[in-house]
Amino acid sequence: MKRCLFVDDSSVIRKVAKRILGGSDFTVIEAASGLDAIEVCAADMPDVIVVDGGLPDMQAVDFIRRVRAMESAVKPQILVSLVEVDVASIMRAKRA
């Protein structure tokens, strides 16, 4: 079964996401911060990562770069969740 890491500082958002994604073919892992998510990835890289674009401890771009720099046989698909449309943020995340 594929693993999905959902990174968001809101416990409510994580709970809703886990319910939605948990019904699919994913095992959902939660992280409340970018640093917690980095630790999860270092221990066992997930197949898919959904990261909040507004984490309090690091920017999504920095998180993506750190994950991409890790040595792992798994190269996860990374999705950034943004509440507002900020084209510059989207482009930075895409280039990371």
C-alpha atoms as a PDB file:
ATOM      1  CA  MET A   1       0.000   0.000   0.000  1.00  0.00           C
ATOM      2  CA  LYS A   2       1.301   3.465  -0.858  1.00  0.00           C
ATOM      3  CA  ARG A   3       2.084   5.930   1.902  1.00  0.00           C
ATOM      4  CA  CYS A   4       0.949   9.567   1.926  1.00  0.00           C
ATOM      5  CA  LEU A   5       2.457  12.106   4.314  1.00  0.00           C
ATOM      6  CA  PHE A   6       0.113  15.007   5.069  1.00  0.00           C
ATOM      7  CA  VAL A   7       1.901  18.017   6.577  1.00  0.00           C
ATOM      8  CA  ASP A   8      -0.222  20.751   8.152  1.00  0.00           C
ATOM      9  CA  ASP A   9      -0.076  22.605  11.460  1.00  0.00           C
ATOM     10  CA  SER A  10      -3.881  22.394  11.823  1.00  0.00           C
ATOM     11  CA  SER A  11      -5.021  19.206  13.549  1.00  0.00           C
ATOM     12  CA  VAL A  12      -8.505  19.708  12.073  1.00  0.00           C
ATOM     13  CA  ILE A  13      -7.169  19.853   8.504  1.00  0.00           C
ATOM     14  CA  ARG A  14      -4.993  16.773   9.133  1.00  0.00           C
ATOM     15  CA  LYS A  15      -7.984  14.872  10.533  1.00  0.00           C
ATOM     16  CA  VAL A  16     -10.187  15.737   7.534  1.00  0.00           C
ATOM     17  CA  ALA A  17      -7.410  14.859   5.084  1.00  0.00           C
ATOM     18  CA  LYS A  18      -6.809  11.540   6.830  1.00  0.00           C
ATOM     19  CA  ARG A  19     -10.496  10.663   6.511  1.00  0.00           C
ATOM     20  CA  ILE A  20     -10.572  11.594   2.829  1.00  0.00           C
ATOM     21  CA  LEU A  21      -7.292   9.946   1.836  1.00  0.00           C
ATOM     22  CA  GLY A  22      -7.580   7.034   4.260  1.00  0.00           C
ATOM     23  CA  GLY A  23     -10.495   5.612   2.290  1.00  0.00           C
ATOM     24  CA  SER A  24      -8.314   5.263  -0.794  1.00  0.00           C
ATOM     25  CA  ASP A  25      -5.301   3.055  -1.410  1.00  0.00           C
ATOM     26  CA  PHE A  26      -3.106   5.164   0.887  1.00  0.00           C
ATOM     27  CA  THR A  27      -1.804   4.750   4.374  1.00  0.00           C
ATOM     28  CA  VAL A  28      -1.875   8.313   5.698  1.00  0.00           C
ATOM     29  CA  ILE A  29       0.882   9.598   7.964  1.00  0.00           C
ATOM     30  CA  GLU A  30       0.528  12.984   9.646  1.00  0.00           C
ATOM     31  CA  ALA A  31       3.064  15.642  10.587  1.00  0.00           C
ATOM     32  CA  ALA A  32       2.267  18.931  12.344  1.00  0.00           C
ATOM     33  CA  SER A  33       5.390  20.779  11.217  1.00  0.00           C
ATOM     34  CA  GLY A  34       7.991  20.845   8.497  1.00  0.00           C
ATOM     35  CA  LEU A  35      10.664  19.579  10.875  1.00  0.00           C
ATOM     36  CA  ASP A  36       8.474  16.655  11.989  1.00  0.00           C
ATOM     37  CA  ALA A  37       7.846  15.836   8.328  1.00  0.00           C
ATOM     38  CA  ILE A  38      11.580  15.938   7.539  1.00  0.00           C
ATOM     39  CA  GLU A  39      12.140  13.369  10.309  1.00  0.00           C
ATOM     40  CA  VAL A  40       9.400  11.130   8.864  1.00  0.00           C
ATOM     41  CA  CYS A  41      10.939  11.368   5.391  1.00  0.00           C
ATOM     42  CA  ALA A  42      14.434  10.626   6.698  1.00  0.00           C
ATOM     43  CA  ALA A  43      13.180   7.494   8.467  1.00  0.00           C
ATOM     44  CA  ASP A  44      10.998   6.128   5.639  1.00  0.00           C
ATOM     45  CA  MET A  45      10.251   8.231   2.556  1.00  0.00           C
ATOM     46  CA  PRO A  46       6.540   8.265   1.655  1.00  0.00           C
ATOM     47  CA  ASP A  47       5.257   7.872  -1.906  1.00  0.00           C
ATOM     48  CA  VAL A  48       3.227  11.097  -1.842  1.00  0.00           C
ATOM     49  CA  ILE A  49       3.577  14.238   0.281  1.00  0.00           C
ATOM     50  CA  VAL A  50       0.929  16.942   0.656  1.00  0.00           C
ATOM     51  CA  VAL A  51       2.439  19.980   2.369  1.00  0.00           C
ATOM     52  CA  ASP A  52       0.714  23.121   3.604  1.00  0.00           C
ATOM     53  CA  GLY A  53       2.049  26.197   1.828  1.00  0.00           C
ATOM     54  CA  GLY A  54       1.860  28.169   5.078  1.00  0.00           C
ATOM     55  CA  LEU A  55       3.711  26.110   7.667  1.00  0.00           C
ATOM     56  CA  PRO A  56       4.850  28.164  10.676  1.00  0.00           C
ATOM     57  CA  ASP A  57       8.324  26.626  10.960  1.00  0.00           C
ATOM     58  CA  MET A  58       9.506  26.612   7.328  1.00  0.00           C
ATOM     59  CA  GLN A  59       8.416  27.583   3.855  1.00  0.00           C
ATOM     60  CA  ALA A  60       7.094  24.853   1.580  1.00  0.00           C
ATOM     61  CA  VAL A  61       9.904  25.580  -0.904  1.00  0.00           C
ATOM     62  CA  ASP A  62      12.543  24.910   1.775  1.00  0.00           C
ATOM     63  CA  PHE A  63      10.754  21.721   2.800  1.00  0.00           C
ATOM     64  CA  ILE A  64      10.631  20.491  -0.810  1.00  0.00           C
ATOM     65  CA  ARG A  65      14.321  21.228  -1.351  1.00  0.00           C
ATOM     66  CA  ARG A  66      15.285  19.344   1.808  1.00  0.00           C
ATOM     67  CA  VAL A  67      13.195  16.322   0.807  1.00  0.00           C
ATOM     68  CA  ARG A  68      14.589  16.335  -2.741  1.00  0.00           C
ATOM     69  CA  ALA A  69      18.149  16.438  -1.346  1.00  0.00           C
ATOM     70  CA  MET A  70      17.627  13.232   0.683  1.00  0.00           C
ATOM     71  CA  GLU A  71      19.088   9.951  -0.511  1.00  0.00           C
ATOM     72  CA  SER A  72      16.143   7.626  -1.074  1.00  0.00           C
ATOM     73  CA  ALA A  73      15.048   5.002  -3.572  1.00  0.00           C
ATOM     74  CA  VAL A  74      11.572   6.547  -3.353  1.00  0.00           C
ATOM     75  CA  LYS A  75      11.119   9.868  -5.150  1.00  0.00           C
ATOM     76  CA  PRO A  76       7.832  11.183  -3.770  1.00  0.00           C
ATOM     77  CA  GLN A  77       5.260  13.192  -5.646  1.00  0.00           C
ATOM     78  CA  ILE A  78       4.918  16.445  -3.688  1.00  0.00           C
ATOM     79  CA  LEU A  79       1.781  18.577  -3.696  1.00  0.00           C
ATOM     80  CA  VAL A  80       1.567  22.017  -2.076  1.00  0.00           C
ATOM     81  CA  SER A  81      -1.726  23.080  -0.531  1.00  0.00           C
ATOM     82  CA  LEU A  82      -2.309  26.841  -0.807  1.00  0.00           C
ATOM     83  CA  VAL A  83      -5.281  28.738   0.587  1.00  0.00           C
ATOM     84  CA  GLU A  84      -4.753  31.786  -1.598  1.00  0.00           C
ATOM     85  CA  VAL A  85      -3.654  32.085  -5.182  1.00  0.00           C
ATOM     86  CA  ASP A  86      -0.092  33.362  -5.134  1.00  0.00           C
ATOM     87  CA  VAL A  87       1.477  32.689  -8.514  1.00  0.00           C
ATOM     88  CA  ALA A  88       4.980  33.548  -7.271  1.00  0.00           C
ATOM     89  CA  SER A  89       4.723  30.969  -4.448  1.00  0.00           C
ATOM     90  CA  ILE A  90       3.434  28.356  -6.864  1.00  0.00           C
ATOM     91  CA  MET A  91       6.317  28.958  -9.263  1.00  0.00           C
ATOM     92  CA  ARG A  92       8.926  28.807  -6.443  1.00  0.00           C
ATOM     93  CA  ALA A  93       7.480  25.485  -5.260  1.00  0.00           C
ATOM     94  CA  LYS A  94       7.427  24.140  -8.808  1.00  0.00           C
ATOM     95  CA  ARG A  95      11.120  24.985  -9.297  1.00  0.00           C
ATOM     96  CA  ALA A  96      12.172  23.447  -5.947  1.00  0.00           C
END
